[in-house]
Amino acid sequence: MTDQPGTALAVLAQIRAQARAGAEALDGLNRAAEALEGIIQEGLEGPFKGVFNALPNGAVRNKPRGKIEQDPELQAFIGARVMTLTFPEVAAQVAAHFPPERRVTTSSIHRWWHRRGKKSLPSTG
């Protein structure tokens, strides 16, 4: 019987030691979880504290129309000549017939032709 209280006390001491070790491990896990949470939160907020000023997708895709598309008279003028003249010749005729603010470059005519012009002409066959 005398062994039992000593053995019980030894077992109890062992249980307490394991509980302390478990509590320390749990505290360490809690500290690690808090540190990880801080890192994740910082990553979500980004390295800057300013407002994110990116344009929405619709604003990027919906570009303003070019000079040719905005001006029906210019569009008709170019459309009437684009099948018989080269793009530089069309640009030269536009420069001769329109004021400087309505003139367009060869590149603009080319871009308009490939985006809109071909589709706007009547079918030939």
N, C-alpha and C. Protein backbone atom coordinates (compact mmCIF):
# COMPACT_ATOMS: atom_id res chain seq x y z
N MET A 1 0.79 -1.19 0.00
CA MET A 1 0.00 0.00 0.00
C MET A 1 0.84 1.26 0.00
N THR A 2 1.99 1.18 0.61
CA THR A 2 2.83 2.36 0.64
C THR A 2 3.40 2.69 -0.73
N ASP A 3 3.54 1.66 -1.57
CA ASP A 3 4.02 1.91 -2.92
C ASP A 3 3.00 2.64 -3.78
N GLN A 4 1.78 2.36 -3.51
CA GLN A 4 0.74 2.95 -4.35
C GLN A 4 0.69 4.47 -4.26
N PRO A 5 0.74 5.08 -3.07
CA PRO A 5 0.73 6.54 -3.06
C PRO A 5 1.96 7.12 -3.75
N GLY A 6 3.10 6.52 -3.58
CA GLY A 6 4.31 7.01 -4.24
C GLY A 6 4.22 6.86 -5.75
N THR A 7 3.71 5.72 -6.17
CA THR A 7 3.55 5.48 -7.59
C THR A 7 2.50 6.42 -8.17
N ALA A 8 1.43 6.62 -7.44
CA ALA A 8 0.37 7.52 -7.89
C ALA A 8 0.90 8.95 -8.01
N LEU A 9 1.72 9.36 -7.04
CA LEU A 9 2.30 10.70 -7.09
C LEU A 9 3.26 10.84 -8.27
N ALA A 10 4.00 9.79 -8.54
CA ALA A 10 4.93 9.82 -9.68
C ALA A 10 4.15 9.91 -11.00
N VAL A 11 3.07 9.14 -11.08
CA VAL A 11 2.24 9.18 -12.29
C VAL A 11 1.61 10.56 -12.44
N LEU A 12 1.13 11.11 -11.31
CA LEU A 12 0.53 12.44 -11.33
C LEU A 12 1.55 13.50 -11.77
N ALA A 13 2.77 13.38 -11.29
CA ALA A 13 3.83 14.32 -11.68
C ALA A 13 4.12 14.19 -13.18
N GLN A 14 4.11 12.96 -13.66
CA GLN A 14 4.33 12.72 -15.08
C GLN A 14 3.20 13.34 -15.92
N ILE A 15 1.96 13.16 -15.45
CA ILE A 15 0.81 13.73 -16.15
C ILE A 15 0.91 15.25 -16.18
N ARG A 16 1.29 15.85 -15.06
CA ARG A 16 1.43 17.31 -15.00
C ARG A 16 2.52 17.79 -15.95
N ALA A 17 3.63 17.07 -16.00
CA ALA A 17 4.73 17.45 -16.90
C ALA A 17 4.27 17.37 -18.35
N GLN A 18 3.53 16.31 -18.68
CA GLN A 18 3.02 16.18 -20.04
C GLN A 18 2.00 17.27 -20.36
N ALA A 19 1.17 17.63 -19.37
CA ALA A 19 0.17 18.69 -19.57
C ALA A 19 0.88 20.03 -19.81
N ARG A 20 1.95 20.31 -19.04
CA ARG A 20 2.71 21.54 -19.25
C ARG A 20 3.35 21.56 -20.63
N ALA A 21 3.90 20.42 -21.03
CA ALA A 21 4.52 20.34 -22.36
C ALA A 21 3.45 20.53 -23.45
N GLY A 22 2.28 19.94 -23.23
CA GLY A 22 1.18 20.10 -24.18
C GLY A 22 0.71 21.55 -24.24
N ALA A 23 0.63 22.21 -23.07
CA ALA A 23 0.20 23.61 -23.03
C ALA A 23 1.22 24.50 -23.73
N GLU A 24 2.52 24.22 -23.52
CA GLU A 24 3.56 24.99 -24.19
C GLU A 24 3.50 24.79 -25.71
N ALA A 25 3.26 23.55 -26.12
CA ALA A 25 3.14 23.27 -27.56
C ALA A 25 1.93 23.98 -28.14
N LEU A 26 0.83 23.98 -27.39
CA LEU A 26 -0.39 24.66 -27.84
C LEU A 26 -0.16 26.17 -27.93
N ASP A 27 0.54 26.73 -26.95
CA ASP A 27 0.87 28.16 -27.01
C ASP A 27 1.74 28.47 -28.23
N GLY A 28 2.70 27.60 -28.51
CA GLY A 28 3.55 27.78 -29.69
C GLY A 28 2.74 27.72 -30.98
N LEU A 29 1.80 26.78 -31.04
CA LEU A 29 0.93 26.68 -32.22
C LEU A 29 0.06 27.93 -32.36
N ASN A 30 -0.45 28.44 -31.25
CA ASN A 30 -1.26 29.67 -31.30
C ASN A 30 -0.44 30.85 -31.79
N ARG A 31 0.80 30.98 -31.31
CA ARG A 31 1.66 32.07 -31.76
C ARG A 31 1.97 31.93 -33.26
N ALA A 32 2.22 30.71 -33.71
CA ALA A 32 2.50 30.48 -35.13
C ALA A 32 1.27 30.81 -35.98
N ALA A 33 0.09 30.43 -35.51
CA ALA A 33 -1.15 30.71 -36.25
C ALA A 33 -1.38 32.22 -36.34
N GLU A 34 -1.13 32.95 -35.24
CA GLU A 34 -1.30 34.41 -35.26
C GLU A 34 -0.30 35.06 -36.22
N ALA A 35 0.94 34.57 -36.22
CA ALA A 35 1.94 35.12 -37.13
C ALA A 35 1.55 34.86 -38.59
N LEU A 36 1.09 33.65 -38.87
CA LEU A 36 0.66 33.32 -40.23
C LEU A 36 -0.54 34.15 -40.65
N GLU A 37 -1.46 34.37 -39.72
CA GLU A 37 -2.63 35.21 -40.01
C GLU A 37 -2.19 36.64 -40.37
N GLY A 38 -1.22 37.17 -39.63
CA GLY A 38 -0.71 38.50 -39.93
C GLY A 38 -0.05 38.58 -41.30
N ILE A 39 0.71 37.55 -41.65
CA ILE A 39 1.37 37.52 -42.96
C ILE A 39 0.33 37.46 -44.08
N ILE A 40 -0.69 36.62 -43.90
CA ILE A 40 -1.74 36.50 -44.92
C ILE A 40 -2.49 37.82 -45.05
N GLN A 41 -2.84 38.43 -43.93
CA GLN A 41 -3.58 39.69 -43.97
C GLN A 41 -2.76 40.78 -44.66
N GLU A 42 -1.48 40.84 -44.37
CA GLU A 42 -0.60 41.82 -45.01
C GLU A 42 -0.52 41.58 -46.51
N GLY A 43 -0.46 40.31 -46.91
CA GLY A 43 -0.43 39.97 -48.33
C GLY A 43 -1.71 40.35 -49.03
N LEU A 44 -2.85 40.21 -48.37
CA LEU A 44 -4.13 40.58 -48.97
C LEU A 44 -4.26 42.08 -49.11
N GLU A 45 -3.74 42.82 -48.16
CA GLU A 45 -3.81 44.28 -48.22
C GLU A 45 -2.81 44.85 -49.22
N GLY A 46 -1.75 44.11 -49.48
CA GLY A 46 -0.74 44.56 -50.42
C GLY A 46 0.32 45.38 -49.72
N PRO A 47 1.43 45.61 -50.43
CA PRO A 47 2.53 46.35 -49.83
C PRO A 47 2.26 47.84 -49.73
N PHE A 48 1.21 48.31 -50.37
CA PHE A 48 0.89 49.73 -50.34
C PHE A 48 -0.41 49.94 -49.59
N LYS A 49 -0.61 51.13 -49.12
CA LYS A 49 -1.82 51.44 -48.35
C LYS A 49 -2.78 52.32 -49.13
N GLY A 50 -2.45 52.63 -50.40
CA GLY A 50 -3.29 53.50 -51.21
C GLY A 50 -4.47 52.77 -51.82
N VAL A 51 -5.28 53.52 -52.52
CA VAL A 51 -6.44 52.96 -53.20
C VAL A 51 -5.98 52.36 -54.52
N PHE A 52 -6.50 51.20 -54.85
CA PHE A 52 -6.16 50.54 -56.10
C PHE A 52 -6.95 51.18 -57.22
N ASN A 53 -6.28 51.80 -58.19
CA ASN A 53 -6.94 52.60 -59.21
C ASN A 53 -6.97 51.93 -60.58
N ALA A 54 -7.07 50.63 -60.62
CA ALA A 54 -7.14 49.95 -61.92
C ALA A 54 -8.50 50.20 -62.56
N LEU A 55 -8.49 50.26 -63.86
CA LEU A 55 -9.74 50.46 -64.59
C LEU A 55 -10.50 49.14 -64.67
N PRO A 56 -11.81 49.20 -64.63
CA PRO A 56 -12.57 47.97 -64.82
C PRO A 56 -12.43 47.47 -66.25
N ASN A 57 -12.67 46.19 -66.46
CA ASN A 57 -12.47 45.59 -67.79
C ASN A 57 -13.26 46.31 -68.87
N GLY A 58 -14.47 46.72 -68.59
CA GLY A 58 -15.28 47.41 -69.58
C GLY A 58 -14.65 48.70 -70.04
N ALA A 59 -13.99 49.41 -69.14
CA ALA A 59 -13.36 50.68 -69.51
C ALA A 59 -12.16 50.45 -70.42
N VAL A 60 -11.49 49.33 -70.25
CA VAL A 60 -10.34 49.03 -71.09
C VAL A 60 -10.79 48.60 -72.48
N ARG A 61 -11.84 47.81 -72.55
CA ARG A 61 -12.30 47.27 -73.83
C ARG A 61 -13.06 48.29 -74.66
N ASN A 62 -13.79 49.18 -74.02
CA ASN A 62 -14.61 50.14 -74.75
C ASN A 62 -13.83 51.42 -75.03
N LYS A 63 -12.95 51.34 -75.99
CA LYS A 63 -12.13 52.49 -76.34
C LYS A 63 -12.98 53.51 -77.09
N PRO A 64 -12.61 54.79 -77.02
CA PRO A 64 -13.36 55.79 -77.79
C PRO A 64 -13.18 55.54 -79.29
N ARG A 65 -14.18 55.89 -80.02
CA ARG A 65 -14.12 55.69 -81.47
C ARG A 65 -13.07 56.61 -82.08
N GLY A 66 -12.49 56.17 -83.19
CA GLY A 66 -11.49 56.97 -83.89
C GLY A 66 -12.14 58.09 -84.69
N LYS A 67 -11.29 58.94 -85.26
CA LYS A 67 -11.79 60.09 -86.04
C LYS A 67 -12.69 59.64 -87.18
N ILE A 68 -12.30 58.59 -87.86
CA ILE A 68 -13.07 58.15 -89.03
C ILE A 68 -14.45 57.66 -88.59
N GLU A 69 -14.51 56.90 -87.51
CA GLU A 69 -15.78 56.35 -87.04
C GLU A 69 -16.69 57.44 -86.46
N GLN A 70 -16.12 58.52 -85.97
CA GLN A 70 -16.91 59.61 -85.40
C GLN A 70 -17.44 60.57 -86.46
N ASP A 71 -16.88 60.56 -87.63
CA ASP A 71 -17.21 61.54 -88.67
C ASP A 71 -17.81 60.83 -89.89
N PRO A 72 -19.14 60.83 -90.04
CA PRO A 72 -19.77 60.12 -91.15
C PRO A 72 -19.33 60.65 -92.53
N GLU A 73 -19.11 61.95 -92.63
CA GLU A 73 -18.68 62.52 -93.92
C GLU A 73 -17.29 62.02 -94.29
N LEU A 74 -16.39 62.01 -93.32
CA LEU A 74 -15.04 61.50 -93.54
C LEU A 74 -15.08 60.01 -93.88
N GLN A 75 -15.93 59.29 -93.19
CA GLN A 75 -16.07 57.86 -93.42
C GLN A 75 -16.55 57.60 -94.86
N ALA A 76 -17.53 58.35 -95.32
CA ALA A 76 -18.04 58.18 -96.69
C ALA A 76 -16.97 58.56 -97.71
N PHE A 77 -16.23 59.63 -97.43
CA PHE A 77 -15.17 60.09 -98.33
C PHE A 77 -14.11 59.00 -98.50
N ILE A 78 -13.68 58.43 -97.38
CA ILE A 78 -12.64 57.38 -97.42
C ILE A 78 -13.21 56.11 -98.06
N GLY A 79 -14.43 55.75 -97.68
CA GLY A 79 -15.05 54.55 -98.24
C GLY A 79 -15.20 54.60 -99.75
N ALA A 80 -15.43 55.80 -100.30
CA ALA A 80 -15.59 55.95 -101.75
C ALA A 80 -14.26 55.81 -102.48
N ARG A 81 -13.14 56.01 -101.80
CA ARG A 81 -11.85 56.00 -102.47
C ARG A 81 -10.98 54.79 -102.12
N VAL A 82 -11.28 54.12 -101.05
CA VAL A 82 -10.37 53.09 -100.55
C VAL A 82 -10.26 51.88 -101.49
N MET A 83 -11.25 51.64 -102.32
CA MET A 83 -11.19 50.50 -103.24
C MET A 83 -10.37 50.80 -104.50
N THR A 84 -10.17 52.07 -104.80
CA THR A 84 -9.46 52.42 -106.04
C THR A 84 -8.10 53.07 -105.80
N LEU A 85 -7.84 53.53 -104.59
CA LEU A 85 -6.57 54.19 -104.28
C LEU A 85 -5.85 53.43 -103.17
N THR A 86 -4.55 53.69 -103.04
CA THR A 86 -3.81 53.13 -101.92
C THR A 86 -4.10 53.95 -100.67
N PHE A 87 -3.77 53.41 -99.52
CA PHE A 87 -4.01 54.13 -98.27
C PHE A 87 -3.27 55.47 -98.23
N PRO A 88 -2.00 55.56 -98.66
CA PRO A 88 -1.33 56.87 -98.68
C PRO A 88 -2.02 57.87 -99.61
N GLU A 89 -2.52 57.39 -100.74
CA GLU A 89 -3.23 58.28 -101.66
C GLU A 89 -4.54 58.78 -101.04
N VAL A 90 -5.24 57.89 -100.35
CA VAL A 90 -6.48 58.30 -99.67
C VAL A 90 -6.15 59.34 -98.61
N ALA A 91 -5.08 59.12 -97.83
CA ALA A 91 -4.68 60.07 -96.79
C ALA A 91 -4.34 61.43 -97.41
N ALA A 92 -3.69 61.43 -98.56
CA ALA A 92 -3.35 62.69 -99.24
C ALA A 92 -4.61 63.41 -99.71
N GLN A 93 -5.59 62.68 -100.21
CA GLN A 93 -6.84 63.31 -100.64
C GLN A 93 -7.62 63.85 -99.45
N VAL A 94 -7.60 63.12 -98.34
CA VAL A 94 -8.26 63.62 -97.12
C VAL A 94 -7.60 64.92 -96.69
N ALA A 95 -6.27 64.96 -96.73
CA ALA A 95 -5.54 66.18 -96.34
C ALA A 95 -5.87 67.34 -97.27
N ALA A 96 -6.13 67.06 -98.54
CA ALA A 96 -6.44 68.12 -99.50
C ALA A 96 -7.87 68.64 -99.36
N HIS A 97 -8.78 67.81 -98.89
CA HIS A 97 -10.20 68.18 -98.86
C HIS A 97 -10.74 68.54 -97.47
N PHE A 98 -10.02 68.21 -96.42
CA PHE A 98 -10.53 68.43 -95.06
C PHE A 98 -9.58 69.34 -94.28
N PRO A 99 -10.10 70.07 -93.29
CA PRO A 99 -9.23 70.90 -92.45
C PRO A 99 -8.31 70.03 -91.58
N PRO A 100 -7.24 70.61 -91.05
CA PRO A 100 -6.25 69.82 -90.30
C PRO A 100 -6.83 68.99 -89.15
N GLU A 101 -7.84 69.50 -88.45
CA GLU A 101 -8.37 68.75 -87.31
C GLU A 101 -9.16 67.51 -87.73
N ARG A 102 -9.50 67.41 -89.01
CA ARG A 102 -10.26 66.24 -89.50
C ARG A 102 -9.39 65.30 -90.34
N ARG A 103 -8.12 65.62 -90.50
CA ARG A 103 -7.23 64.77 -91.29
C ARG A 103 -6.87 63.51 -90.50
N VAL A 104 -6.60 62.45 -91.24
CA VAL A 104 -6.22 61.18 -90.62
C VAL A 104 -4.96 60.65 -91.29
N THR A 105 -4.27 59.77 -90.58
CA THR A 105 -3.03 59.20 -91.09
C THR A 105 -3.31 57.93 -91.89
N THR A 106 -2.30 57.49 -92.59
CA THR A 106 -2.39 56.23 -93.33
C THR A 106 -2.69 55.08 -92.37
N SER A 107 -2.05 55.10 -91.21
CA SER A 107 -2.28 54.05 -90.21
C SER A 107 -3.73 54.03 -89.75
N SER A 108 -4.31 55.20 -89.56
CA SER A 108 -5.72 55.28 -89.13
C SER A 108 -6.64 54.71 -90.19
N ILE A 109 -6.36 55.02 -91.44
CA ILE A 109 -7.18 54.49 -92.54
C ILE A 109 -7.05 52.97 -92.60
N HIS A 110 -5.84 52.49 -92.47
CA HIS A 110 -5.59 51.05 -92.49
C HIS A 110 -6.34 50.36 -91.36
N ARG A 111 -6.23 50.91 -90.16
CA ARG A 111 -6.90 50.33 -88.99
C ARG A 111 -8.42 50.34 -89.19
N TRP A 112 -8.96 51.47 -89.67
CA TRP A 112 -10.41 51.56 -89.91
C TRP A 112 -10.83 50.54 -90.96
N TRP A 113 -10.05 50.40 -92.03
CA TRP A 113 -10.39 49.48 -93.10
C TRP A 113 -10.48 48.04 -92.59
N HIS A 114 -9.52 47.66 -91.77
CA HIS A 114 -9.52 46.28 -91.27
C HIS A 114 -10.57 46.05 -90.18
N ARG A 115 -10.95 47.05 -89.45
CA ARG A 115 -11.96 46.89 -88.40
C ARG A 115 -13.37 47.08 -88.91
N ARG A 116 -13.58 48.09 -89.76
CA ARG A 116 -14.94 48.47 -90.12
C ARG A 116 -15.19 48.56 -91.62
N GLY A 117 -14.20 49.07 -92.35
CA GLY A 117 -14.41 49.43 -93.74
C GLY A 117 -14.83 48.29 -94.64
N LYS A 118 -14.16 47.15 -94.51
CA LYS A 118 -14.48 46.01 -95.36
C LYS A 118 -15.93 45.59 -95.17
N LYS A 119 -16.39 45.64 -93.95
CA LYS A 119 -17.76 45.21 -93.63
C LYS A 119 -18.81 46.18 -94.13
N SER A 120 -18.44 47.45 -94.27
CA SER A 120 -19.42 48.47 -94.65
C SER A 120 -19.65 48.55 -96.15
N LEU A 121 -18.78 47.92 -96.94
CA LEU A 121 -18.93 47.97 -98.39
C LEU A 121 -19.92 46.92 -98.87
N PRO A 122 -20.62 47.21 -99.97
CA PRO A 122 -21.55 46.20 -100.49
C PRO A 122 -20.79 44.99 -101.03
N SER A 123 -21.39 43.85 -100.94
CA SER A 123 -20.76 42.62 -101.40
C SER A 123 -20.69 42.62 -102.93
N THR A 124 -19.58 42.13 -103.48
CA THR A 124 -19.38 42.13 -104.93
C THR A 124 -19.66 40.77 -105.56
N GLY A 125 -19.96 39.80 -104.80
CA GLY A 125 -20.16 38.51 -105.43
C GLY A 125 -20.87 37.58 -104.63
